C-alpha atoms as a PDB file:
ATOM      1  CA  UNK A   1      66.799 131.780 121.521  1.00  0.00           C
ATOM      2  CA  UNK A   2      70.185 132.661 119.994  1.00  0.00           C
ATOM      3  CA  UNK A   3      71.877 129.317 120.869  1.00  0.00           C
ATOM      4  CA  UNK A   4      69.000 127.439 119.247  1.00  0.00           C
ATOM      5  CA  UNK A   5      69.431 129.492 116.083  1.00  0.00           C
ATOM      6  CA  UNK A   6      73.198 128.867 116.052  1.00  0.00           C
ATOM      7  CA  UNK A   7      72.811 125.102 116.497  1.00  0.00           C
ATOM      8  CA  UNK A   8      70.000 124.843 113.950  1.00  0.00           C
ATOM      9  CA  UNK A   9      71.953 126.932 111.458  1.00  0.00           C
ATOM     10  CA  UNK A  10      75.033 124.761 111.965  1.00  0.00           C
ATOM     11  CA  UNK A  11      73.134 121.532 111.408  1.00  0.00           C
ATOM     12  CA  UNK A  12      71.213 122.727 108.353  1.00  0.00           C
ATOM     13  CA  UNK A  13      74.111 124.502 106.652  1.00  0.00           C
ATOM     14  CA  UNK A  14      76.597 121.692 107.310  1.00  0.00           C
ATOM     15  CA  UNK A  15      74.186 119.093 105.911  1.00  0.00           C
ATOM     16  CA  UNK A  16      73.632 121.177 102.788  1.00  0.00           C
ATOM     17  CA  UNK A  17      77.380 121.840 102.468  1.00  0.00           C
ATOM     18  CA  UNK A  18      78.364 118.170 102.759  1.00  0.00           C
ATOM     19  CA  UNK A  19      75.574 117.098 100.448  1.00  0.00           C
ATOM     20  CA  UNK A  20      76.657 119.577  97.764  1.00  0.00           C
ATOM     21  CA  UNK A  21      80.275 118.445  98.040  1.00  0.00           C
ATOM     22  CA  UNK A  22      79.326 114.770  98.003  1.00  0.00           C
ATOM     23  CA  UNK A  23      77.382 115.168  94.756  1.00  0.00           C
ATOM     24  CA  UNK A  24      80.670 115.202  92.890  1.00  0.00           C
ATOM     25  CA  UNK A  25      81.928 112.040  94.648  1.00  0.00           C
ATOM     26  CA  UNK A  26      78.828 109.832  94.873  1.00  0.00           C
ATOM     27  CA  UNK A  27      76.608 109.051  91.915  1.00  0.00           C
ATOM     28  CA  UNK A  28      73.847 107.560  94.020  1.00  0.00           C
ATOM     29  CA  UNK A  29      73.685 106.790  97.707  1.00  0.00           C
ATOM     30  CA  UNK A  30      73.873 103.201  98.840  1.00  0.00           C
ATOM     31  CA  UNK A  31      74.205 102.145 102.477  1.00  0.00           C
ATOM     32  CA  UNK A  32      78.002 102.344 102.745  1.00  0.00           C
ATOM     33  CA  UNK A  33      78.265 105.672 100.969  1.00  0.00           C
ATOM     34  CA  UNK A  34      75.525 107.065 103.192  1.00  0.00           C
ATOM     35  CA  UNK A  35      77.469 105.941 106.252  1.00  0.00           C
ATOM     36  CA  UNK A  36      80.618 107.624 104.870  1.00  0.00           C
ATOM     37  CA  UNK A  37      78.565 110.747 104.281  1.00  0.00           C
ATOM     38  CA  UNK A  38      77.266 110.767 107.872  1.00  0.00           C
ATOM     39  CA  UNK A  39      80.719 110.068 109.356  1.00  0.00           C
ATOM     40  CA  UNK A  40      82.296 112.879 107.344  1.00  0.00           C
ATOM     41  CA  UNK A  41      79.477 115.203 108.352  1.00  0.00           C
ATOM     42  CA  UNK A  42      79.425 114.304 112.048  1.00  0.00           C
ATOM     43  CA  UNK A  43      83.145 114.117 112.714  1.00  0.00           C
ATOM     44  CA  UNK A  44      84.612 116.810 110.510  1.00  0.00           C
ATOM     45  CA  UNK A  45      82.107 119.306 109.165  1.00  0.00           C
ATOM     46  CA  UNK A  46      79.515 119.767 111.926  1.00  0.00           C
ATOM     47  CA  UNK A  47      82.017 120.655 114.699  1.00  0.00           C
ATOM     48  CA  UNK A  48      83.680 123.250 112.464  1.00  0.00           C
ATOM     49  CA  UNK A  49      80.313 124.783 111.615  1.00  0.00           C
ATOM     50  CA  UNK A  50      79.235 124.760 115.272  1.00  0.00           C
ATOM     51  CA  UNK A  51      82.414 126.337 116.631  1.00  0.00           C
ATOM     52  CA  UNK A  52      83.124 128.647 113.706  1.00  0.00           C
ATOM     53  CA  UNK A  53      79.516 129.779 113.422  1.00  0.00           C
ATOM     54  CA  UNK A  54      79.289 130.585 117.113  1.00  0.00           C
ATOM     55  CA  UNK A  55      82.582 132.518 117.011  1.00  0.00           C
ATOM     56  CA  UNK A  56      81.536 134.406 113.873  1.00  0.00           C
ATOM     57  CA  UNK A  57      78.156 135.233 115.400  1.00  0.00           C
ATOM     58  CA  UNK A  58      79.757 136.591 118.569  1.00  0.00           C
ATOM     59  CA  UNK A  59      82.362 138.627 116.664  1.00  0.00           C
ATOM     60  CA  UNK A  60      79.672 139.940 114.325  1.00  0.00           C
ATOM     61  CA  UNK A  61      77.445 140.945 117.255  1.00  0.00           C
ATOM     62  CA  UNK A  62      80.362 142.723 118.948  1.00  0.00           C
ATOM     63  CA  UNK A  63      81.343 144.603 115.765  1.00  0.00           C
ATOM     64  CA  UNK A  64      77.755 145.625 115.036  1.00  0.00           C
ATOM     65  CA  UNK A  65      77.417 146.973 118.592  1.00  0.00           C
ATOM     66  CA  UNK A  66      80.810 148.692 118.383  1.00  0.00           C
ATOM     67  CA  UNK A  67      79.942 150.523 115.140  1.00  0.00           C
ATOM     68  CA  UNK A  68      76.307 151.048 116.237  1.00  0.00           C
ATOM     69  CA  UNK A  69      75.046 149.854 112.878  1.00  0.00           C
ATOM     70  CA  UNK A  70      73.557 146.756 111.299  1.00  0.00           C
ATOM     71  CA  UNK A  71      75.375 146.340 108.009  1.00  0.00           C
ATOM     72  CA  UNK A  72      75.224 143.344 105.695  1.00  0.00           C
ATOM     73  CA  UNK A  73      78.743 143.906 104.350  1.00  0.00           C
ATOM     74  CA  UNK A  74      80.310 143.949 107.831  1.00  0.00           C
ATOM     75  CA  UNK A  75      78.593 140.700 108.755  1.00  0.00           C
ATOM     76  CA  UNK A  76      79.496 139.049 105.461  1.00  0.00           C
ATOM     77  CA  UNK A  77      83.149 140.046 105.872  1.00  0.00           C
ATOM     78  CA  UNK A  78      83.261 138.679 109.416  1.00  0.00           C
ATOM     79  CA  UNK A  79      81.771 135.347 108.371  1.00  0.00           C
ATOM     80  CA  UNK A  80      84.113 135.009 105.381  1.00  0.00           C
ATOM     81  CA  UNK A  81      87.148 135.811 107.532  1.00  0.00           C
ATOM     82  CA  UNK A  82      86.127 133.277 110.201  1.00  0.00           C
ATOM     83  CA  UNK A  83      85.415 130.733 107.439  1.00  0.00           C
ATOM     84  CA  UNK A  84      88.980 131.145 106.216  1.00  0.00           C
ATOM     85  CA  UNK A  85      90.405 130.909 109.735  1.00  0.00           C
ATOM     86  CA  UNK A  86      88.369 127.832 110.634  1.00  0.00           C
ATOM     87  CA  UNK A  87      89.469 125.977 107.538  1.00  0.00           C
ATOM     88  CA  UNK A  88      92.029 123.784 109.262  1.00  0.00           C
ATOM     89  CA  UNK A  89      92.641 121.741 106.130  1.00  0.00           C
ATOM     90  CA  UNK A  90      93.868 124.741 104.151  1.00  0.00           C
ATOM     91  CA  UNK A  91      96.196 125.813 106.940  1.00  0.00           C
ATOM     92  CA  UNK A  92      97.603 122.291 107.304  1.00  0.00           C
ATOM     93  CA  UNK A  93      98.047 121.900 103.559  1.00  0.00           C
ATOM     94  CA  UNK A  94      99.779 125.277 103.366  1.00  0.00           C
ATOM     95  CA  UNK A  95     102.199 124.381 106.169  1.00  0.00           C
ATOM     96  CA  UNK A  96     103.061 121.004 104.589  1.00  0.00           C
ATOM     97  CA  UNK A  97     103.247 121.947 100.919  1.00  0.00           C
ATOM     98  CA  UNK A  98     103.455 125.713 100.703  1.00  0.00           C
ATOM     99  CA  UNK A  99     101.080 127.775  98.593  1.00  0.00           C
ATOM    100  CA  UNK A 100      99.595 125.796  95.692  1.00  0.00           C
ATOM    101  CA  UNK A 101      96.260 124.975  94.062  1.00  0.00           C
ATOM    102  CA  UNK A 102      95.212 122.715  96.959  1.00  0.00           C
ATOM    103  CA  UNK A 103      95.283 125.641  99.368  1.00  0.00           C
ATOM    104  CA  UNK A 104      93.057 127.679  97.065  1.00  0.00           C
ATOM    105  CA  UNK A 105      90.554 124.818  96.769  1.00  0.00           C
ATOM    106  CA  UNK A 106      90.327 124.522 100.549  1.00  0.00           C
ATOM    107  CA  UNK A 107      90.005 128.280 100.993  1.00  0.00           C
ATOM    108  CA  UNK A 108      87.211 128.414  98.426  1.00  0.00           C
ATOM    109  CA  UNK A 109      85.417 125.640 100.324  1.00  0.00           C
ATOM    110  CA  UNK A 110      85.872 127.588 103.581  1.00  0.00           C
ATOM    111  CA  UNK A 111      84.511 130.768 102.059  1.00  0.00           C
ATOM    112  CA  UNK A 112      81.551 129.043 100.404  1.00  0.00           C
ATOM    113  CA  UNK A 113      80.710 127.201 103.637  1.00  0.00           C
ATOM    114  CA  UNK A 114      80.820 130.400 105.662  1.00  0.00           C
ATOM    115  CA  UNK A 115      78.674 132.298 103.145  1.00  0.00           C
ATOM    116  CA  UNK A 116      76.155 129.443 103.159  1.00  0.00           C
ATOM    117  CA  UNK A 117      76.117 129.481 106.967  1.00  0.00           C
ATOM    118  CA  UNK A 118      75.712 133.268 107.028  1.00  0.00           C
ATOM    119  CA  UNK A 119      72.701 133.300 104.718  1.00  0.00           C
ATOM    120  CA  UNK A 120      70.944 130.455 106.510  1.00  0.00           C
ATOM    121  CA  UNK A 121      71.653 132.287 109.784  1.00  0.00           C
ATOM    122  CA  UNK A 122      70.039 135.440 108.355  1.00  0.00           C
ATOM    123  CA  UNK A 123      67.015 133.465 107.188  1.00  0.00           C
ATOM    124  CA  UNK A 124      66.534 131.777 110.562  1.00  0.00           C
ATOM    125  CA  UNK A 125      66.902 135.106 112.387  1.00  0.00           C
ATOM    126  CA  UNK A 126      64.204 136.623 110.170  1.00  0.00           C
ATOM    127  CA  UNK A 127      61.926 133.644 110.791  1.00  0.00           C
ATOM    128  CA  UNK A 128      62.505 133.882 114.557  1.00  0.00           C
ATOM    129  CA  UNK A 129      61.674 137.594 114.572  1.00  0.00           C
ATOM    130  CA  UNK A 130      58.564 137.021 112.473  1.00  0.00           C
ATOM    131  CA  UNK A 131      57.431 134.164 114.727  1.00  0.00           C
ATOM    132  CA  UNK A 132      57.992 136.271 117.853  1.00  0.00           C
ATOM    133  CA  UNK A 133      55.982 139.203 116.468  1.00  0.00           C
ATOM    134  CA  UNK A 134      53.168 136.869 115.425  1.00  0.00           C
ATOM    135  CA  UNK A 135      53.084 135.320 118.890  1.00  0.00           C
ATOM    136  CA  UNK A 136      53.075 138.741 120.562  1.00  0.00           C
ATOM    137  CA  UNK A 137      50.314 139.925 118.226  1.00  0.00           C
ATOM    138  CA  UNK A 138      48.104 136.953 119.134  1.00  0.00           C
ATOM    139  CA  UNK A 139      48.383 137.366 122.892  1.00  0.00           C
END
């Protein structure tokens, strides 16, 4: 059940993330802009959300088991840190140009994407638990 939640969370959160970013670039969608949107989503954003989300979920699970506690702040910190690490664009920009405003913009996008992923992941986990208890209660 966990891999399904990770994949679903990655797809939903990456679509929302790309759509929110594209609102500032596209006034209205026509065919070519929609194709650009889907190419950007499929080639760049979705793989980062899939890989980064899975890594963050595994690290979060390990830390929660290590500390024997389920804490929101620990999970949020893990997801933010992995969001910063997975932001390849910020790291590349920093290596090429040094620290400037472009690095901060990319880091803010990485943090906002990871926080979005984290909250959708929490929501889907709650829905999965609720669905499982309802199914067990009916049988």
